[in-house]
C-alpha atoms as a PDB file:
ATOM      1  CA  MET A   1      83.473 122.369 110.604  1.00  0.00           C
ATOM      2  CA  LYS A   2      85.891 120.049 108.915  1.00  0.00           C
ATOM      3  CA  PRO A   3      89.234 118.262 110.205  1.00  0.00           C
ATOM      4  CA  TYR A   4      92.850 119.476 109.592  1.00  0.00           C
ATOM      5  CA  ILE A   5      93.634 118.321 106.793  1.00  0.00           C
ATOM      6  CA  ILE A   6      97.658 117.343 105.996  1.00  0.00           C
ATOM      7  CA  CYS A   7      98.192 115.994 102.372  1.00  0.00           C
ATOM      8  CA  HIS A   8     101.900 113.340 103.246  1.00  0.00           C
ATOM      9  CA  MET A   9     103.797 112.046 100.624  1.00  0.00           C
ATOM     10  CA  MET A  10     107.008 111.138  99.684  1.00  0.00           C
ATOM     11  CA  ALA A  11     108.397 111.628  96.163  1.00  0.00           C
ATOM     12  CA  SER A  12     111.351 111.961  94.366  1.00  0.00           C
ATOM     13  CA  ILE A  13     113.334 114.812  94.065  1.00  0.00           C
ATOM     14  CA  ASP A  14     111.504 114.979  90.844  1.00  0.00           C
ATOM     15  CA  GLY A  15     107.595 114.972  92.383  1.00  0.00           C
ATOM     16  CA  ARG A  16     107.008 111.315  91.470  1.00  0.00           C
ATOM     17  CA  ILE A  17     105.112 109.394  93.946  1.00  0.00           C
ATOM     18  CA  ASP A  18     105.408 105.881  91.931  1.00  0.00           C
ATOM     19  CA  CYS A  19     105.370 103.629  95.013  1.00  0.00           C
ATOM     20  CA  ALA A  20     107.256 101.039  93.472  1.00  0.00           C
ATOM     21  CA  MET A  21     109.640 103.260  92.774  1.00  0.00           C
ATOM     22  CA  THR A  22     109.544 105.379  96.179  1.00  0.00           C
ATOM     23  CA  ALA A  23     110.152 102.228  98.056  1.00  0.00           C
ATOM     24  CA  LYS A  24     113.204 101.759  96.305  1.00  0.00           C
ATOM     25  CA  LEU A  25     114.878 105.127  97.749  1.00  0.00           C
ATOM     26  CA  ARG A  26     116.557 105.753 100.965  1.00  0.00           C
ATOM     27  CA  GLY A  27     113.828 107.868 103.222  1.00  0.00           C
ATOM     28  CA  VAL A  28     110.876 105.009 103.483  1.00  0.00           C
ATOM     29  CA  ASP A  29     111.320 104.828 107.060  1.00  0.00           C
ATOM     30  CA  GLU A  30     111.419 108.441 107.504  1.00  0.00           C
ATOM     31  CA  TYR A  31     108.337 108.610 105.881  1.00  0.00           C
ATOM     32  CA  TYR A  32     106.583 106.559 107.942  1.00  0.00           C
ATOM     33  CA  SER A  33     107.917 108.556 110.977  1.00  0.00           C
ATOM     34  CA  THR A  34     107.327 111.499 109.596  1.00  0.00           C
ATOM     35  CA  LEU A  35     103.699 110.657 109.300  1.00  0.00           C
ATOM     36  CA  GLU A  36     103.720 109.493 112.698  1.00  0.00           C
ATOM     37  CA  ALA A  37     104.992 112.705 114.116  1.00  0.00           C
ATOM     38  CA  LEU A  38     102.136 114.753 112.491  1.00  0.00           C
ATOM     39  CA  ASP A  39      99.794 113.134 114.793  1.00  0.00           C
ATOM     40  CA  THR A  40      97.048 112.133 112.508  1.00  0.00           C
ATOM     41  CA  PRO A  41      95.219 108.672 113.620  1.00  0.00           C
ATOM     42  CA  SER A  42      93.314 108.581 110.383  1.00  0.00           C
ATOM     43  CA  THR A  43      94.391 108.460 106.943  1.00  0.00           C
ATOM     44  CA  LEU A  44      92.653 108.494 103.678  1.00  0.00           C
ATOM     45  CA  SER A  45      93.626 107.513 100.204  1.00  0.00           C
ATOM     46  CA  GLY A  46      92.079 107.253  96.483  1.00  0.00           C
ATOM     47  CA  ARG A  47      90.357 104.096  94.998  1.00  0.00           C
ATOM     48  CA  VAL A  48      93.780 103.390  92.906  1.00  0.00           C
ATOM     49  CA  THR A  49      95.911 103.460  96.261  1.00  0.00           C
ATOM     50  CA  GLY A  50      93.157 101.622  97.997  1.00  0.00           C
ATOM     51  CA  MET A  51      93.325  98.925  95.222  1.00  0.00           C
ATOM     52  CA  LEU A  52      97.019  98.378  95.222  1.00  0.00           C
ATOM     53  CA  GLU A  53      97.548  98.461  98.618  1.00  0.00           C
ATOM     54  CA  LEU A  54      94.709  98.026 101.001  1.00  0.00           C
ATOM     55  CA  ALA A  55      91.825  96.161  98.993  1.00  0.00           C
ATOM     56  CA  GLU A  56      91.442  92.495  98.178  1.00  0.00           C
ATOM     57  CA  PRO A  57      91.698  91.274  94.851  1.00  0.00           C
ATOM     58  CA  GLY A  58      89.108  91.938  92.197  1.00  0.00           C
ATOM     59  CA  THR A  59      85.680  93.938  91.683  1.00  0.00           C
ATOM     60  CA  PHE A  60      82.560  93.740  93.533  1.00  0.00           C
ATOM     61  CA  ARG A  61      80.099  93.310  91.078  1.00  0.00           C
ATOM     62  CA  ALA A  62      76.402  94.239  91.531  1.00  0.00           C
ATOM     63  CA  GLU A  63      73.103  92.136  90.742  1.00  0.00           C
ATOM     64  CA  ASP A  64      70.964  94.861  91.574  1.00  0.00           C
ATOM     65  CA  THR A  65      72.203  97.937  89.983  1.00  0.00           C
ATOM     66  CA  THR A  66      69.544 100.481  92.614  1.00  0.00           C
ATOM     67  CA  ALA A  67      71.670 103.371  93.621  1.00  0.00           C
ATOM     68  CA  LEU A  68      71.334 104.590  97.229  1.00  0.00           C
ATOM     69  CA  GLY A  69      70.219 108.026  95.700  1.00  0.00           C
ATOM     70  CA  GLN A  70      70.332 110.060  98.842  1.00  0.00           C
ATOM     71  CA  GLU A  71      73.260 110.584 101.405  1.00  0.00           C
ATOM     72  CA  GLY A  72      73.643 108.832 104.194  1.00  0.00           C
ATOM     73  CA  PHE A  73      76.332 107.112 106.971  1.00  0.00           C
ATOM     74  CA  SER A  74      76.833 103.871 108.839  1.00  0.00           C
ATOM     75  CA  LYS A  75      79.145 104.038 111.925  1.00  0.00           C
ATOM     76  CA  LYS A  76      80.509 100.622 113.070  1.00  0.00           C
ATOM     77  CA  THR A  77      82.906 100.735 114.895  1.00  0.00           C
ATOM     78  CA  GLU A  78      83.984 103.956 117.483  1.00  0.00           C
ATOM     79  CA  ALA A  79      87.556 104.294 117.299  1.00  0.00           C
ATOM     80  CA  GLU A  80      90.694 107.064 117.137  1.00  0.00           C
ATOM     81  CA  GLY A  81      91.629 106.651 114.156  1.00  0.00           C
ATOM     82  CA  TYR A  82      90.237 105.369 110.475  1.00  0.00           C
ATOM     83  CA  GLU A  83      91.524 104.202 107.167  1.00  0.00           C
ATOM     84  CA  ILE A  84      89.601 106.302 105.321  1.00  0.00           C
ATOM     85  CA  ILE A  85      89.228 105.069 101.115  1.00  0.00           C
ATOM     86  CA  VAL A  86      87.375 107.033  98.709  1.00  0.00           C
ATOM     87  CA  ASP A  87      85.744 104.556  96.110  1.00  0.00           C
ATOM     88  CA  THR A  88      83.167 106.896  94.129  1.00  0.00           C
ATOM     89  CA  LYS A  89      80.975 103.974  92.637  1.00  0.00           C
ATOM     90  CA  GLY A  90      81.925 101.472  95.653  1.00  0.00           C
ATOM     91  CA  THR A  91      83.951  98.694  93.763  1.00  0.00           C
ATOM     92  CA  LEU A  92      86.559  97.413  95.937  1.00  0.00           C
ATOM     93  CA  LEU A  93      86.470  93.869  97.482  1.00  0.00           C
ATOM     94  CA  TRP A  94      87.212  94.000 101.753  1.00  0.00           C
ATOM     95  CA  ARG A  95      87.191  91.252 104.075  1.00  0.00           C
ATOM     96  CA  GLU A  96      85.681  91.333 107.908  1.00  0.00           C
ATOM     97  CA  ASP A  97      86.562  94.668 109.110  1.00  0.00           C
ATOM     98  CA  SER A  98      88.006  93.028 112.512  1.00  0.00           C
ATOM     99  CA  SER A  99      90.764  91.318 110.666  1.00  0.00           C
ATOM    100  CA  TYR A 100      92.600  94.239 109.729  1.00  0.00           C
ATOM    101  CA  ASP A 101      94.396  96.779 111.968  1.00  0.00           C
ATOM    102  CA  LYS A 102      92.925  99.837 112.260  1.00  0.00           C
ATOM    103  CA  PRO A 103      89.162 100.025 111.253  1.00  0.00           C
ATOM    104  CA  HIS A 104      88.015 100.588 107.485  1.00  0.00           C
ATOM    105  CA  LEU A 105      85.788 103.777 106.481  1.00  0.00           C
ATOM    106  CA  VAL A 106      84.505 103.654 102.648  1.00  0.00           C
ATOM    107  CA  ILE A 107      83.360 106.991 101.147  1.00  0.00           C
ATOM    108  CA  THR A 108      80.818 106.777  98.070  1.00  0.00           C
ATOM    109  CA  SER A 109      78.969 108.995  95.970  1.00  0.00           C
ATOM    110  CA  GLU A 110      75.063 108.596  96.266  1.00  0.00           C
ATOM    111  CA  ARG A 111      75.389 106.293  92.928  1.00  0.00           C
ATOM    112  CA  VAL A 112      76.392 103.688  95.061  1.00  0.00           C
ATOM    113  CA  THR A 113      74.182 100.727  94.925  1.00  0.00           C
ATOM    114  CA  LYS A 114      72.420  99.437  98.123  1.00  0.00           C
ATOM    115  CA  GLU A 115      73.795  95.831  97.200  1.00  0.00           C
ATOM    116  CA  TYR A 116      77.419  97.568  97.750  1.00  0.00           C
ATOM    117  CA  LEU A 117      76.562  98.876 100.886  1.00  0.00           C
ATOM    118  CA  ALA A 118      74.845  96.211 102.000  1.00  0.00           C
ATOM    119  CA  PHE A 119      78.417  93.918 101.564  1.00  0.00           C
ATOM    120  CA  LEU A 120      80.077  96.852 103.650  1.00  0.00           C
ATOM    121  CA  ASP A 121      77.673  96.625 106.633  1.00  0.00           C
ATOM    122  CA  GLU A 122      77.993  92.611 106.165  1.00  0.00           C
ATOM    123  CA  LYS A 123      81.947  92.897 106.703  1.00  0.00           C
ATOM    124  CA  ASN A 124      81.060  95.804 109.840  1.00  0.00           C
ATOM    125  CA  ILE A 125      82.565  98.620 107.211  1.00  0.00           C
ATOM    126  CA  SER A 126      81.498 101.896 108.091  1.00  0.00           C
ATOM    127  CA  TRP A 127      80.593 104.309 105.163  1.00  0.00           C
ATOM    128  CA  ILE A 128      79.744 107.417 104.047  1.00  0.00           C
ATOM    129  CA  ALA A 129      77.649 108.554 101.141  1.00  0.00           C
ATOM    130  CA  CYS A 130      77.172 112.221  99.913  1.00  0.00           C
ATOM    131  CA  GLY A 131      77.284 113.938  96.368  1.00  0.00           C
ATOM    132  CA  GLN A 132      75.250 112.902  93.412  1.00  0.00           C
ATOM    133  CA  ALA A 133      77.301 112.556  90.544  1.00  0.00           C
ATOM    134  CA  GLN A 134      80.770 112.726  92.191  1.00  0.00           C
ATOM    135  CA  ILE A 135      81.582 112.478  96.067  1.00  0.00           C
ATOM    136  CA  ASP A 136      80.911 115.964  97.495  1.00  0.00           C
ATOM    137  CA  LEU A 137      84.345 116.434  99.921  1.00  0.00           C
ATOM    138  CA  HIS A 138      82.965 119.286 101.619  1.00  0.00           C
ATOM    139  CA  ARG A 139      80.364 117.227 102.928  1.00  0.00           C
ATOM    140  CA  ALA A 140      82.438 114.305 103.395  1.00  0.00           C
ATOM    141  CA  VAL A 141      85.224 115.910 105.699  1.00  0.00           C
ATOM    142  CA  GLU A 142      81.991 117.494 107.658  1.00  0.00           C
ATOM    143  CA  ILE A 143      80.556 113.715 108.208  1.00  0.00           C
ATOM    144  CA  LEU A 144      84.030 112.958 109.139  1.00  0.00           C
ATOM    145  CA  ASN A 145      84.420 115.324 112.029  1.00  0.00           C
ATOM    146  CA  GLU A 146      80.809 115.750 113.114  1.00  0.00           C
ATOM    147  CA  LYS A 147      79.694 111.996 113.085  1.00  0.00           C
ATOM    148  CA  PHE A 148      83.141 109.865 113.263  1.00  0.00           C
ATOM    149  CA  GLY A 149      85.102 112.488 115.843  1.00  0.00           C
ATOM    150  CA  VAL A 150      88.101 112.823 113.212  1.00  0.00           C
ATOM    151  CA  SER A 151      89.768 116.155 113.956  1.00  0.00           C
ATOM    152  CA  ARG A 152      93.040 115.520 112.000  1.00  0.00           C
ATOM    153  CA  LEU A 153      93.451 113.834 108.706  1.00  0.00           C
ATOM    154  CA  ALA A 154      96.329 112.953 106.563  1.00  0.00           C
ATOM    155  CA  ILE A 155      95.619 112.037 102.809  1.00  0.00           C
ATOM    156  CA  VAL A 156      98.018 109.988 101.842  1.00  0.00           C
ATOM    157  CA  GLY A 157      97.395 109.230  98.036  1.00  0.00           C
ATOM    158  CA  GLY A 158      97.472 108.997  95.070  1.00  0.00           C
ATOM    159  CA  ALA A 159      98.563 112.352  93.256  1.00  0.00           C
ATOM    160  CA  HIS A 160      94.290 112.462  91.965  1.00  0.00           C
ATOM    161  CA  ILE A 161      92.816 112.023  95.130  1.00  0.00           C
ATOM    162  CA  ASN A 162      95.195 114.639  96.791  1.00  0.00           C
ATOM    163  CA  GLY A 163      94.680 117.158  93.849  1.00  0.00           C
ATOM    164  CA  GLY A 164      90.870 116.750  94.326  1.00  0.00           C
ATOM    165  CA  PHE A 165      91.589 117.667  97.808  1.00  0.00           C
ATOM    166  CA  LEU A 166      93.446 121.106  96.780  1.00  0.00           C
ATOM    167  CA  ASP A 167      90.916 121.862  94.313  1.00  0.00           C
ATOM    168  CA  ALA A 168      88.128 121.735  96.699  1.00  0.00           C
ATOM    169  CA  GLY A 169      90.381 124.067  98.921  1.00  0.00           C
ATOM    170  CA  LEU A 170      90.567 121.440 101.570  1.00  0.00           C
ATOM    171  CA  LEU A 171      94.069 121.180 102.782  1.00  0.00           C
ATOM    172  CA  ASP A 172      95.598 122.826 105.672  1.00  0.00           C
ATOM    173  CA  GLU A 173      99.235 121.567 104.885  1.00  0.00           C
ATOM    174  CA  ILE A 174     101.322 119.635 102.410  1.00  0.00           C
ATOM    175  CA  SER A 175     103.695 117.769 104.429  1.00  0.00           C
ATOM    176  CA  ILE A 176     106.524 115.733 101.626  1.00  0.00           C
ATOM    177  CA  LEU A 177     109.384 114.011 102.199  1.00  0.00           C
ATOM    178  CA  ILE A 178     111.831 113.966  99.103  1.00  0.00           C
ATOM    179  CA  GLY A 179     113.630 110.758  98.793  1.00  0.00           C
ATOM    180  CA  PRO A 180     117.353 111.438  97.626  1.00  0.00           C
ATOM    181  CA  GLY A 181     116.676 110.201  94.074  1.00  0.00           C
ATOM    182  CA  ILE A 182     115.495 110.237  90.385  1.00  0.00           C
ATOM    183  CA  ASP A 183     112.546 108.856  88.561  1.00  0.00           C
ATOM    184  CA  GLY A 184     112.657 110.412  85.144  1.00  0.00           C
ATOM    185  CA  ARG A 185     110.208 108.193  83.697  1.00  0.00           C
ATOM    186  CA  GLU A 186     107.595 109.567  81.223  1.00  0.00           C
ATOM    187  CA  GLY A 187     103.683 109.688  82.557  1.00  0.00           C
ATOM    188  CA  MET A 188     104.111 108.918  86.094  1.00  0.00           C
ATOM    189  CA  PRO A 189     101.837 110.366  88.824  1.00  0.00           C
ATOM    190  CA  ALA A 190     103.330 113.605  90.636  1.00  0.00           C
ATOM    191  CA  VAL A 191     102.481 114.442  94.422  1.00  0.00           C
ATOM    192  CA  LEU A 192      99.435 116.432  92.891  1.00  0.00           C
ATOM    193  CA  ASP A 193      97.437 116.055  89.544  1.00  0.00           C
ATOM    194  CA  GLY A 194      94.592 116.043  87.576  1.00  0.00           C
ATOM    195  CA  LEU A 195      93.614 119.812  87.996  1.00  0.00           C
ATOM    196  CA  PRO A 196      92.442 121.555  84.512  1.00  0.00           C
ATOM    197  CA  MET A 197      95.784 123.057  82.615  1.00  0.00           C
ATOM    198  CA  GLU A 198      93.658 126.534  82.791  1.00  0.00           C
ATOM    199  CA  ARG A 199      94.192 126.127  86.939  1.00  0.00           C
ATOM    200  CA  GLU A 200      96.649 128.845  88.359  1.00  0.00           C
ATOM    201  CA  PRO A 201      99.598 127.894  90.547  1.00  0.00           C
ATOM    202  CA  VAL A 202      98.605 127.571  94.242  1.00  0.00           C
ATOM    203  CA  SER A 203     100.904 129.871  96.507  1.00  0.00           C
ATOM    204  CA  VAL A 204     101.671 128.077 100.158  1.00  0.00           C
ATOM    205  CA  LYS A 205     104.221 129.182 102.954  1.00  0.00           C
ATOM    206  CA  LEU A 206     107.321 127.323 104.060  1.00  0.00           C
ATOM    207  CA  ASN A 207     107.026 126.361 107.636  1.00  0.00           C
ATOM    208  CA  SER A 208     109.758 123.798 108.330  1.00  0.00           C
ATOM    209  CA  VAL A 209     112.526 121.607 106.621  1.00  0.00           C
ATOM    210  CA  LYS A 210     114.244 118.931 108.367  1.00  0.00           C
ATOM    211  CA  ALA A 211     117.098 117.212 106.640  1.00  0.00           C
ATOM    212  CA  PHE A 212     118.394 113.309 107.547  1.00  0.00           C
ATOM    213  CA  GLU A 213     121.429 111.740 107.872  1.00  0.00           C
ATOM    214  CA  ASN A 214     120.320 109.612 104.324  1.00  0.00           C
ATOM    215  CA  GLY A 215     119.783 112.471 102.276  1.00  0.00           C
ATOM    216  CA  ALA A 216     116.290 112.863 102.870  1.00  0.00           C
ATOM    217  CA  VAL A 217     114.386 115.946 103.364  1.00  0.00           C
ATOM    218  CA  TRP A 218     111.193 116.709 104.890  1.00  0.00           C
ATOM    219  CA  LEU A 219     109.487 119.722 104.167  1.00  0.00           C
ATOM    220  CA  ARG A 220     106.268 121.485 105.499  1.00  0.00           C
ATOM    221  CA  TYR A 221     104.188 123.993 104.063  1.00  0.00           C
ATOM    222  CA  SER A 222     100.661 125.806 104.827  1.00  0.00           C
ATOM    223  CA  LEU A 223      97.790 126.811 102.427  1.00  0.00           C
ATOM    224  CA  GLY A 224      95.075 129.765 103.314  1.00  0.00           C
ATOM    225  CA  ASP A 225      95.915 133.116 104.689  1.00  0.00           C
END
């Protein structure tokens, strides 16, 4: 079993999601209120978003580079929801977990060092390690559901982790809050990014549209049959 998974993002009308840009658009408050309306106590971010918005400055440097080399998990806290961060090799730095509002859970590959997992253990941070070269997203969400009780999950960026979940066929829904503004800068990330050039377009079904007085628009689409 896997959780029901929704990709929820705020974008400009040209589909760009740079946080420094979207923070200047009307609709920022609605992004958070619509996220709350989705009823997803657990949220998941990629490493870059985690580094920019959640983790402590700096990079973890293991003195002993011995890899875990097998699937494993460690559940430190029983919680209604988790702040989940995907960090394939285990590089992000964290404070002791009781200092955060929501318990953290780090997902890595089996390439992660035992030393990094010991660091997470010391900080009382839960973790999942699965997938030999890269994180096995299918297995990761199964463990989230079966071992951590995550039944609904919001993927909240960045572009490549959004694209990774789409490519793996794990998204049930896409929820986009469009702010009334244009980015237009070359090379800025889109809502979903990083898929191969030969990838065919993915069809979706429009479920609902809600317009706000400030010009923001909330679109919800379902995927799958």
